[in-house]
Amino acid sequence: MKIERVDHGNHAFDDPVLVKRLAQQQTPLTMCPISNLRLKGIPSLSASPVKKALDAGVLVTVNSDDPSYFRGILTIITVQFMMH
């Protein structure tokens, strides 16, 4: 893949071959667990695929997505995410 990053990437985990490739090529996923939760993409923060990505060796950045809309700043997002 000739890409610099994958935004969100939640459904990448539907394909184990893709996950392996992302890990091998160190293509980062810019994951936004708070917006995924608020938009009902995941039922809870613990359902976020961030840990699954990290366990698979995929590079991950945890992001705020649209902070003004989701009322999330990175510090709050990190604390909320780590508590689940």
Protein backbone atom coordinates (compact mmCIF):
# COMPACT_ATOMS: atom_id res chain seq x y z
CA MET A 1 0.00 0.00 0.00
CA LYS A 2 1.31 3.43 -0.85
CA ILE A 3 -0.52 5.41 1.79
CA GLU A 4 0.71 7.51 4.68
CA ARG A 5 -2.04 6.65 7.17
CA VAL A 6 -5.55 5.24 7.52
CA ASP A 7 -8.11 7.46 9.24
CA HIS A 8 -10.11 5.58 11.85
CA GLY A 9 -9.51 2.10 10.41
CA ASN A 10 -11.99 0.32 12.68
CA HIS A 11 -13.04 -2.12 10.00
CA ALA A 12 -9.46 -3.00 9.10
CA PHE A 13 -9.80 -5.70 11.76
CA ASP A 14 -12.40 -7.48 9.65
CA ASP A 15 -9.48 -8.61 7.48
CA PRO A 16 -6.55 -10.33 9.26
CA VAL A 17 -4.39 -10.10 6.12
CA LEU A 18 -4.85 -6.32 6.03
CA VAL A 19 -3.99 -6.02 9.74
CA LYS A 20 -0.79 -7.99 9.17
CA ARG A 21 0.09 -5.73 6.25
CA LEU A 22 -0.59 -2.56 8.23
CA ALA A 23 1.69 -3.84 10.99
CA GLN A 24 4.46 -4.92 8.61
CA GLN A 25 4.41 -1.64 6.71
CA GLN A 26 3.96 0.41 9.90
CA THR A 27 1.03 2.28 8.38
CA PRO A 28 -0.55 4.20 11.26
CA LEU A 29 -4.25 4.23 12.06
CA THR A 30 -5.55 7.59 13.32
CA MET A 31 -8.19 6.26 15.68
CA CYS A 32 -10.85 8.42 17.35
CA PRO A 33 -12.55 6.35 20.07
CA ILE A 34 -14.66 9.18 21.53
CA SER A 35 -16.22 10.12 18.19
CA ASN A 36 -16.70 6.41 17.39
CA LEU A 37 -18.57 6.05 20.68
CA ARG A 38 -20.69 9.18 20.25
CA LEU A 39 -21.57 8.26 16.66
CA LYS A 40 -22.52 4.73 17.79
CA GLY A 41 -19.72 3.10 15.81
CA ILE A 42 -18.77 1.21 18.97
CA PRO A 43 -21.03 0.38 21.92
CA SER A 44 -18.44 1.35 24.57
CA LEU A 45 -14.88 2.61 24.82
CA SER A 46 -13.76 -0.87 25.78
CA ALA A 47 -15.05 -2.05 22.38
CA SER A 48 -12.66 0.29 20.56
CA PRO A 49 -10.17 -1.63 18.41
CA VAL A 50 -7.22 0.46 19.67
CA LYS A 51 -5.90 -2.28 21.98
CA LYS A 52 -6.44 -4.92 19.32
CA ALA A 53 -4.40 -2.79 16.90
CA LEU A 54 -1.59 -2.29 19.37
CA ASP A 55 -1.53 -5.99 20.23
CA ALA A 56 -1.24 -6.76 16.50
CA GLY A 57 1.75 -4.42 16.18
CA VAL A 58 -0.13 -1.74 14.24
CA LEU A 59 0.89 1.87 14.80
CA VAL A 60 -1.96 3.85 16.34
CA THR A 61 -2.54 7.47 17.21
CA VAL A 62 -5.49 8.32 19.44
CA ASN A 63 -7.09 11.49 18.16
CA SER A 64 -9.85 13.91 19.01
CA ASP A 65 -11.47 13.86 15.54
CA ASP A 66 -13.58 17.04 15.74
CA PRO A 67 -13.00 18.45 19.26
CA SER A 68 -15.55 21.25 19.00
CA TYR A 69 -18.31 18.84 17.97
CA PHE A 70 -17.44 15.94 20.26
CA ARG A 71 -16.31 18.13 23.15
CA GLY A 72 -13.11 16.18 23.41
CA ILE A 73 -9.65 17.43 23.91
CA LEU A 74 -6.83 14.96 23.73
CA THR A 75 -6.13 14.89 27.47
CA ILE A 76 -9.78 14.13 28.29
CA ILE A 77 -9.98 11.54 25.52
CA THR A 78 -6.87 9.80 26.76
CA VAL A 79 -8.12 9.70 30.36
CA GLN A 80 -11.58 8.48 29.33
CA PHE A 81 -10.12 5.86 27.05
CA MET A 82 -7.54 4.57 29.54
CA MET A 83 -10.20 4.20 32.25
CA HIS A 84 -12.07 1.61 30.16
